[in-house]
Amino acid sequence: MRIGELAKRIGIKTSAIRFYEASGLMPEGVRGLNGYREYGPAAVERLQFIQLAQRLGFGLDGLRQAFASGDGNPPHELVLAGLQRRREEIARMRLELDAQDAELVRLAEACRQSWTVGQCLDQSAYLAALESTQTSTQPSTAASSSPSTTPGRAPRTRRAAGARST
């Protein structure tokens, strides 16, 4: 099959196939007498593998290294090791996302409490509470900013009724 047919079958653009060829991720199609590139079933499998790996979060450099070892197919041990590394990365991301979610819950509750009594959110009180309840080993970006102001912004204050800003 020609490059256009291959691209249509896989659901990608022909330029993506040419990119994969130029970057060493797949061999170039064999040129027929007419000058067109011809591809067989192995090209379909290779492109499907590349797409799956990218969808699962693997980078092109890692794929290139995997294909370079052996007979053009990644060794089983290398694939299994890569899968395990990716699972570990996902586990770390889950922990980070869970910590961010917990922080958002605390911020929402602090907002509700402040607004219930008719006040703006007291940033310094929130940050102090956040620092005392933080259990993560990762430094919080919220805790690193100044407790009294948001960077690039003056502290919020409530004006008396009828007071004019200058």
C-alpha atoms as a PDB file:
ATOM      1  CA  MET A   1       0.000   0.000   0.000  1.00  0.00           C
ATOM      2  CA  ARG A   2       1.106   3.566  -0.615  1.00  0.00           C
ATOM      3  CA  ILE A   3       1.752   6.177   2.061  1.00  0.00           C
ATOM      4  CA  GLY A   4      -1.659   7.803   1.611  1.00  0.00           C
ATOM      5  CA  GLU A   5      -3.452   4.485   2.072  1.00  0.00           C
ATOM      6  CA  LEU A   6      -1.325   3.680   5.121  1.00  0.00           C
ATOM      7  CA  ALA A   7      -2.007   7.081   6.646  1.00  0.00           C
ATOM      8  CA  LYS A   8      -5.748   6.693   6.071  1.00  0.00           C
ATOM      9  CA  ARG A   9      -5.773   3.171   7.531  1.00  0.00           C
ATOM     10  CA  ILE A  10      -3.965   4.286  10.697  1.00  0.00           C
ATOM     11  CA  GLY A  11      -5.743   7.645  10.946  1.00  0.00           C
ATOM     12  CA  ILE A  12      -2.729   9.944  10.744  1.00  0.00           C
ATOM     13  CA  LYS A  13      -1.332  12.343   8.165  1.00  0.00           C
ATOM     14  CA  THR A  14       1.275  11.328   5.640  1.00  0.00           C
ATOM     15  CA  SER A  15       3.590  13.961   7.117  1.00  0.00           C
ATOM     16  CA  ALA A  16       3.536  12.045  10.422  1.00  0.00           C
ATOM     17  CA  ILE A  17       4.686   8.888   8.664  1.00  0.00           C
ATOM     18  CA  ARG A  18       7.470  10.824   6.942  1.00  0.00           C
ATOM     19  CA  PHE A  19       8.451  12.317  10.310  1.00  0.00           C
ATOM     20  CA  TYR A  20       8.609   8.845  11.902  1.00  0.00           C
ATOM     21  CA  GLU A  21      10.780   7.670   9.010  1.00  0.00           C
ATOM     22  CA  ALA A  22      13.102  10.689   9.192  1.00  0.00           C
ATOM     23  CA  SER A  23      13.473  10.382  12.957  1.00  0.00           C
ATOM     24  CA  GLY A  24      14.334   6.681  12.870  1.00  0.00           C
ATOM     25  CA  LEU A  25      11.124   5.352  14.373  1.00  0.00           C
ATOM     26  CA  MET A  26      10.206   3.317  11.329  1.00  0.00           C
ATOM     27  CA  PRO A  27      11.980   2.245   8.171  1.00  0.00           C
ATOM     28  CA  GLU A  28      11.237   4.093   4.964  1.00  0.00           C
ATOM     29  CA  GLY A  29       8.833   2.451   2.591  1.00  0.00           C
ATOM     30  CA  VAL A  30      10.359   0.575  -0.316  1.00  0.00           C
ATOM     31  CA  ARG A  31      10.219   2.645  -3.476  1.00  0.00           C
ATOM     32  CA  GLY A  32       8.527   0.953  -6.399  1.00  0.00           C
ATOM     33  CA  LEU A  33       9.485   1.417 -10.031  1.00  0.00           C
ATOM     34  CA  ASN A  34       7.003   4.283 -10.171  1.00  0.00           C
ATOM     35  CA  GLY A  35       8.852   6.076  -7.315  1.00  0.00           C
ATOM     36  CA  TYR A  36       6.044   5.706  -4.781  1.00  0.00           C
ATOM     37  CA  ARG A  37       6.731   4.350  -1.338  1.00  0.00           C
ATOM     38  CA  GLU A  38       5.151   0.975  -0.707  1.00  0.00           C
ATOM     39  CA  TYR A  39       4.349  -0.337   2.780  1.00  0.00           C
ATOM     40  CA  GLY A  40       3.412  -3.771   4.047  1.00  0.00           C
ATOM     41  CA  PRO A  41       1.690  -5.142   7.151  1.00  0.00           C
ATOM     42  CA  ALA A  42       4.818  -4.536   9.269  1.00  0.00           C
ATOM     43  CA  ALA A  43       4.446  -0.785   8.729  1.00  0.00           C
ATOM     44  CA  VAL A  44       0.848  -0.904   9.973  1.00  0.00           C
ATOM     45  CA  GLU A  45       1.932  -2.780  13.098  1.00  0.00           C
ATOM     46  CA  ARG A  46       4.833  -0.403  13.741  1.00  0.00           C
ATOM     47  CA  LEU A  47       2.622   2.679  13.438  1.00  0.00           C
ATOM     48  CA  GLN A  48      -0.030   1.159  15.691  1.00  0.00           C
ATOM     49  CA  PHE A  49       2.671   0.398  18.268  1.00  0.00           C
ATOM     50  CA  ILE A  50       3.995   3.977  18.078  1.00  0.00           C
ATOM     51  CA  GLN A  51       0.488   5.392  18.519  1.00  0.00           C
ATOM     52  CA  LEU A  52      -0.242   3.125  21.490  1.00  0.00           C
ATOM     53  CA  ALA A  53       3.059   4.023  23.150  1.00  0.00           C
ATOM     54  CA  GLN A  54       2.414   7.749  22.686  1.00  0.00           C
ATOM     55  CA  ARG A  55      -1.144   7.437  24.006  1.00  0.00           C
ATOM     56  CA  LEU A  56       0.271   5.737  27.120  1.00  0.00           C
ATOM     57  CA  GLY A  57       2.743   8.590  27.642  1.00  0.00           C
ATOM     58  CA  PHE A  58       5.955   7.181  26.228  1.00  0.00           C
ATOM     59  CA  GLY A  59       8.287   9.593  24.460  1.00  0.00           C
ATOM     60  CA  LEU A  60       9.638   9.224  20.956  1.00  0.00           C
ATOM     61  CA  ASP A  61      13.249   9.100  22.168  1.00  0.00           C
ATOM     62  CA  GLY A  62      12.519   6.042  24.289  1.00  0.00           C
ATOM     63  CA  LEU A  63      10.745   4.372  21.384  1.00  0.00           C
ATOM     64  CA  ARG A  64      13.648   5.143  19.079  1.00  0.00           C
ATOM     65  CA  GLN A  65      16.081   3.514  21.516  1.00  0.00           C
ATOM     66  CA  ALA A  66      13.826   0.487  21.917  1.00  0.00           C
ATOM     67  CA  PHE A  67      13.548  -0.021  18.159  1.00  0.00           C
ATOM     68  CA  ALA A  68      17.310   0.446  17.709  1.00  0.00           C
ATOM     69  CA  SER A  69      18.096  -2.523  19.955  1.00  0.00           C
ATOM     70  CA  GLY A  70      17.768  -5.995  18.518  1.00  0.00           C
ATOM     71  CA  ASP A  71      16.134  -6.748  15.183  1.00  0.00           C
ATOM     72  CA  GLY A  72      14.060  -3.581  15.001  1.00  0.00           C
ATOM     73  CA  ASN A  73      11.531  -4.875  17.500  1.00  0.00           C
ATOM     74  CA  PRO A  74      11.947  -3.843  21.128  1.00  0.00           C
ATOM     75  CA  PRO A  75      13.208  -6.668  23.369  1.00  0.00           C
ATOM     76  CA  HIS A  76      10.533  -8.001  25.733  1.00  0.00           C
ATOM     77  CA  GLU A  77      12.552  -7.111  28.849  1.00  0.00           C
ATOM     78  CA  LEU A  78      12.933  -3.535  27.636  1.00  0.00           C
ATOM     79  CA  VAL A  79       9.195  -3.237  26.986  1.00  0.00           C
ATOM     80  CA  LEU A  80       8.327  -4.635  30.417  1.00  0.00           C
ATOM     81  CA  ALA A  81      10.841  -2.335  32.138  1.00  0.00           C
ATOM     82  CA  GLY A  82       9.420   0.663  30.259  1.00  0.00           C
ATOM     83  CA  LEU A  83       5.883  -0.282  31.250  1.00  0.00           C
ATOM     84  CA  GLN A  84       6.888  -0.565  34.900  1.00  0.00           C
ATOM     85  CA  ARG A  85       8.660   2.823  34.813  1.00  0.00           C
ATOM     86  CA  ARG A  86       5.578   4.428  33.277  1.00  0.00           C
ATOM     87  CA  ARG A  87       3.332   2.884  35.952  1.00  0.00           C
ATOM     88  CA  GLU A  88       5.637   4.356  38.624  1.00  0.00           C
ATOM     89  CA  GLU A  89       5.438   7.782  36.958  1.00  0.00           C
ATOM     90  CA  ILE A  90       1.641   7.552  36.944  1.00  0.00           C
ATOM     91  CA  ALA A  91       1.621   6.578  40.637  1.00  0.00           C
ATOM     92  CA  ARG A  92       3.737   9.667  41.461  1.00  0.00           C
ATOM     93  CA  MET A  93       1.406  11.870  39.398  1.00  0.00           C
ATOM     94  CA  ARG A  94      -1.605  10.441  41.261  1.00  0.00           C
ATOM     95  CA  LEU A  95      -0.023  11.345  44.592  1.00  0.00           C
ATOM     96  CA  GLU A  96       0.668  14.877  43.373  1.00  0.00           C
ATOM     97  CA  LEU A  97      -2.872  15.239  42.019  1.00  0.00           C
ATOM     98  CA  ASP A  98      -4.366  13.898  45.268  1.00  0.00           C
ATOM     99  CA  ALA A  99      -2.323  16.459  47.220  1.00  0.00           C
ATOM    100  CA  GLN A 100      -3.513  19.248  44.885  1.00  0.00           C
ATOM    101  CA  ASP A 101      -7.105  18.075  45.245  1.00  0.00           C
ATOM    102  CA  ALA A 102      -6.853  18.101  49.050  1.00  0.00           C
ATOM    103  CA  GLU A 103      -5.410  21.618  48.906  1.00  0.00           C
ATOM    104  CA  LEU A 104      -8.295  22.759  46.698  1.00  0.00           C
ATOM    105  CA  VAL A 105     -10.786  21.288  49.170  1.00  0.00           C
ATOM    106  CA  ARG A 106      -9.096  23.186  52.033  1.00  0.00           C
ATOM    107  CA  LEU A 107      -9.097  26.420  50.021  1.00  0.00           C
ATOM    108  CA  ALA A 108     -12.780  26.031  49.121  1.00  0.00           C
ATOM    109  CA  GLU A 109     -13.664  25.480  52.780  1.00  0.00           C
ATOM    110  CA  ALA A 110     -11.589  28.494  53.848  1.00  0.00           C
ATOM    111  CA  CYS A 111     -13.411  30.593  51.225  1.00  0.00           C
ATOM    112  CA  ARG A 112     -16.831  29.379  52.408  1.00  0.00           C
ATOM    113  CA  GLN A 113     -16.006  30.126  56.049  1.00  0.00           C
ATOM    114  CA  SER A 114     -14.697  33.614  55.292  1.00  0.00           C
ATOM    115  CA  TRP A 115     -17.568  34.491  52.993  1.00  0.00           C
ATOM    116  CA  THR A 116     -20.168  33.172  55.443  1.00  0.00           C
ATOM    117  CA  VAL A 117     -19.114  35.824  57.946  1.00  0.00           C
ATOM    118  CA  GLY A 118     -18.926  38.503  55.231  1.00  0.00           C
ATOM    119  CA  GLN A 119     -15.142  38.699  54.948  1.00  0.00           C
ATOM    120  CA  CYS A 120     -12.670  38.290  52.163  1.00  0.00           C
ATOM    121  CA  LEU A 121     -10.405  35.274  52.365  1.00  0.00           C
ATOM    122  CA  ASP A 122      -7.618  35.881  54.871  1.00  0.00           C
ATOM    123  CA  GLN A 123      -4.650  34.644  52.856  1.00  0.00           C
ATOM    124  CA  SER A 124      -2.208  34.617  55.747  1.00  0.00           C
ATOM    125  CA  ALA A 125      -4.542  32.534  57.913  1.00  0.00           C
ATOM    126  CA  TYR A 126      -5.186  30.129  55.065  1.00  0.00           C
ATOM    127  CA  LEU A 127      -1.484  29.732  54.303  1.00  0.00           C
ATOM    128  CA  ALA A 128      -0.662  29.191  57.964  1.00  0.00           C
ATOM    129  CA  ALA A 129      -3.348  26.506  58.213  1.00  0.00           C
ATOM    130  CA  LEU A 130      -2.105  24.943  54.998  1.00  0.00           C
ATOM    131  CA  GLU A 131       1.486  24.775  56.233  1.00  0.00           C
ATOM    132  CA  SER A 132       0.443  23.174  59.509  1.00  0.00           C
ATOM    133  CA  THR A 133      -1.663  20.477  57.815  1.00  0.00           C
ATOM    134  CA  GLN A 134       0.620  19.731  54.890  1.00  0.00           C
ATOM    135  CA  THR A 135       1.862  16.165  54.938  1.00  0.00           C
ATOM    136  CA  SER A 136       3.397  16.055  51.481  1.00  0.00           C
ATOM    137  CA  THR A 137       7.166  16.024  51.098  1.00  0.00           C
ATOM    138  CA  GLN A 138       6.816  18.258  48.041  1.00  0.00           C
ATOM    139  CA  PRO A 139       6.977  22.005  48.757  1.00  0.00           C
ATOM    140  CA  SER A 140       3.690  23.719  48.013  1.00  0.00           C
ATOM    141  CA  THR A 141       3.755  26.567  45.542  1.00  0.00           C
ATOM    142  CA  ALA A 142       1.094  28.330  47.609  1.00  0.00           C
ATOM    143  CA  ALA A 143       3.205  28.111  50.752  1.00  0.00           C
ATOM    144  CA  SER A 144       6.196  29.647  49.020  1.00  0.00           C
ATOM    145  CA  SER A 145       4.506  32.926  48.170  1.00  0.00           C
ATOM    146  CA  SER A 146       4.327  35.793  50.589  1.00  0.00           C
ATOM    147  CA  PRO A 147       1.523  35.252  53.117  1.00  0.00           C
ATOM    148  CA  SER A 148       0.228  38.802  52.935  1.00  0.00           C
ATOM    149  CA  THR A 149       0.108  39.335  49.181  1.00  0.00           C
ATOM    150  CA  THR A 150      -0.250  37.584  45.886  1.00  0.00           C
ATOM    151  CA  PRO A 151       2.811  38.243  43.692  1.00  0.00           C
ATOM    152  CA  GLY A 152       2.339  41.388  41.639  1.00  0.00           C
ATOM    153  CA  ARG A 153      -0.745  42.403  43.563  1.00  0.00           C
ATOM    154  CA  ALA A 154      -1.381  44.617  46.567  1.00  0.00           C
ATOM    155  CA  PRO A 155      -3.147  43.062  49.569  1.00  0.00           C
ATOM    156  CA  ARG A 156      -6.942  43.242  49.453  1.00  0.00           C
ATOM    157  CA  THR A 157      -8.578  45.422  52.042  1.00  0.00           C
ATOM    158  CA  ARG A 158     -12.190  46.207  52.698  1.00  0.00           C
ATOM    159  CA  ARG A 159     -13.240  49.805  52.298  1.00  0.00           C
ATOM    160  CA  ALA A 160     -15.740  51.476  54.519  1.00  0.00           C
ATOM    161  CA  ALA A 161     -19.101  52.131  52.907  1.00  0.00           C
ATOM    162  CA  GLY A 162     -18.976  55.288  50.835  1.00  0.00           C
ATOM    163  CA  ALA A 163     -15.154  55.444  50.841  1.00  0.00           C
ATOM    164  CA  ARG A 164     -13.626  56.289  47.479  1.00  0.00           C
ATOM    165  CA  SER A 165     -10.499  54.768  46.074  1.00  0.00           C
ATOM    166  CA  THR A 166      -7.810  57.139  44.853  1.00  0.00           C
END
